[in-house]
Structure formats: C-alpha cells, structure tokens
Amino acid sequence: MLLRIVLWNLADTDVTVEELREYVRDEAVDAFADVPGLRFKAWISDEAGERWGALYLWESAEAADQPLPSRARELIGKDPDLGETFDVEATVEGTFVDEQLSRRGLAFDS
C-alpha cells in the first residue's frame, strides 16, 4: 500500500478553503467513491493558514498512478506545493461505534 500527501498554499490563489469545501461536498466525494484501488481519501485544510490538501491510501502503485476525477488543480490554478508518496508499513483501524467514516467532516457539517 501507498500513502500520498498533497498540499497547496492558497495565499497566492483566487480560491478559498470555503469554496474548496463546497467543491468537495457537492462533487468530489461522489467522484472519488468508486475509484479503483483507492482505500481511503481525506481532504484536509488549515483555513487560518490558507492551506488545502488531501491524503490518499492506495492499494498499489498502479492504482496510485491512474488519472483521478479531481478538479482541484483547475480550481486552485496550480499544481500542489507539496506532493509526497510513502510506503505504508502498517495500518490499524480503531474501535469506534458509528455507521461509517464516509461523508464526515467540515464539508458535511454545514
């Protein structure tokens, strides 16, 4: 498995965290729901620091190399400032009594 991290600094762009949050809620979550080989994706933000990004957990290097249904680069207007890929040494799922992990977070709290 592989973990990919991408981060943008939005300070020099025309897009806000709130606008990207709407994109995630209205479009991106559904677009990524059926991507082959994607085990987990989390969109992350630091609104005060004007940063946006994502974490991907991929089943394989081949899966991580496929074209993605994302418009983030288009909306932000540039490639990520940071893009790193790591081998996953181990994973664990904690015990939490809830229906699911999907569709949770600030984009869905509003």
Protein backbone atom coordinates (compact mmCIF):
# COMPACT_ATOMS: atom_id res chain seq x y z
CA MET A 1 0.00 0.00 0.00
CA LEU A 2 0.99 3.61 -0.57
CA LEU A 3 0.10 6.87 1.16
CA ARG A 4 0.12 10.05 -0.93
CA ILE A 5 0.01 13.54 0.57
CA VAL A 6 -0.66 16.67 -1.49
CA LEU A 7 -0.74 20.22 -0.08
CA TRP A 8 -1.41 23.63 -1.59
CA ASN A 9 -0.73 27.08 -0.19
CA LEU A 10 -3.79 29.09 -1.22
CA ALA A 11 -2.40 32.51 -0.23
CA ASP A 12 -1.43 33.35 -3.81
CA THR A 13 -4.56 31.90 -5.45
CA ASP A 14 -8.09 33.12 -6.12
CA VAL A 15 -9.81 30.26 -4.26
CA THR A 16 -10.71 29.92 -0.59
CA VAL A 17 -10.97 26.93 1.72
CA GLU A 18 -14.73 27.52 1.87
CA GLU A 19 -15.03 27.31 -1.93
CA LEU A 20 -12.99 24.11 -1.97
CA ARG A 21 -15.11 22.72 0.85
CA GLU A 22 -18.21 23.25 -1.30
CA TYR A 23 -16.49 21.51 -4.23
CA VAL A 24 -15.70 18.51 -2.01
CA ARG A 25 -19.23 18.29 -0.64
CA ASP A 26 -21.04 18.87 -3.95
CA GLU A 27 -18.79 17.00 -6.36
CA ALA A 28 -15.51 15.44 -5.25
CA VAL A 29 -16.71 12.92 -2.66
CA ASP A 30 -19.06 11.30 -5.15
CA ALA A 31 -16.40 11.38 -7.89
CA PHE A 32 -13.89 9.52 -5.70
CA ALA A 33 -16.34 7.00 -4.23
CA ASP A 34 -15.69 4.40 -6.92
CA VAL A 35 -12.03 4.97 -7.83
CA PRO A 36 -10.43 1.51 -8.21
CA GLY A 37 -7.67 0.80 -5.70
CA LEU A 38 -8.39 3.83 -3.50
CA ARG A 39 -8.77 2.56 0.06
CA PHE A 40 -9.22 5.96 1.74
CA LYS A 41 -9.13 9.66 0.90
CA ALA A 42 -9.33 12.58 3.31
CA TRP A 43 -9.42 16.21 2.25
CA ILE A 44 -7.61 18.42 4.77
CA SER A 45 -7.50 22.16 5.41
CA ASP A 46 -5.97 24.87 7.54
CA GLU A 47 -8.27 27.82 6.92
CA ALA A 48 -6.27 30.30 9.02
CA GLY A 49 -3.05 29.28 7.28
CA GLU A 50 -4.72 29.20 3.84
CA ARG A 51 -3.71 25.61 3.15
CA TRP A 52 -5.58 22.77 1.45
CA GLY A 53 -4.68 19.21 0.68
CA ALA A 54 -5.52 15.55 0.65
CA LEU A 55 -4.35 12.19 1.96
CA TYR A 56 -4.77 9.11 -0.22
CA LEU A 57 -4.33 5.50 0.82
CA TRP A 58 -3.76 3.36 -2.28
CA GLU A 59 -3.86 -0.41 -2.62
CA SER A 60 -0.97 -0.41 -5.11
CA ALA A 61 1.42 1.79 -7.08
CA GLU A 62 -0.58 1.02 -10.22
CA ALA A 63 -3.76 2.31 -8.61
CA ALA A 64 -1.97 5.47 -7.42
CA ASP A 65 -0.80 6.21 -10.98
CA GLN A 66 -4.25 6.30 -12.60
CA PRO A 67 -5.94 9.54 -13.74
CA LEU A 68 -8.15 10.95 -10.98
CA PRO A 69 -11.59 12.59 -11.17
CA SER A 70 -10.34 15.74 -9.46
CA ARG A 71 -10.75 19.39 -10.44
CA ALA A 72 -8.67 20.69 -7.51
CA ARG A 73 -5.72 21.77 -9.69
CA GLU A 74 -8.14 23.54 -12.04
CA LEU A 75 -9.95 25.33 -9.21
CA ILE A 76 -6.75 26.27 -7.36
CA GLY A 77 -4.92 27.20 -10.55
CA LYS A 78 -1.64 25.42 -9.90
CA ASP A 79 -0.05 22.09 -9.03
CA PRO A 80 0.32 21.20 -5.34
CA ASP A 81 3.19 22.87 -3.49
CA LEU A 82 3.93 19.51 -1.90
CA GLY A 83 3.30 16.03 -3.26
CA GLU A 84 4.90 13.08 -1.48
CA THR A 85 4.35 9.32 -1.66
CA PHE A 86 5.26 6.88 1.11
CA ASP A 87 5.21 3.12 1.52
CA VAL A 88 2.77 2.06 4.24
CA GLU A 89 4.46 -0.06 6.90
CA ALA A 90 1.33 -0.97 8.86
CA THR A 91 -2.29 0.05 9.35
CA VAL A 92 -4.82 -0.30 12.13
CA GLU A 93 -8.49 0.53 12.44
CA GLY A 94 -9.60 1.78 15.82
CA THR A 95 -12.78 0.76 17.56
CA PHE A 96 -15.44 3.41 17.13
CA VAL A 97 -19.18 2.90 17.28
CA ASP A 98 -20.51 4.73 14.23
CA GLU A 99 -22.25 3.90 10.98
CA GLN A 100 -19.39 4.79 8.65
CA LEU A 101 -16.42 7.05 8.06
CA SER A 102 -17.63 8.33 4.68
CA ARG A 103 -19.22 11.77 4.35
CA ARG A 104 -17.87 13.10 7.65
CA GLY A 105 -16.08 16.39 8.32
CA LEU A 106 -16.48 20.13 7.95
CA ALA A 107 -17.77 19.94 4.36
CA PHE A 108 -20.76 17.97 5.62
CA ASP A 109 -21.27 19.79 8.93
CA SER A 110 -22.80 22.88 7.32
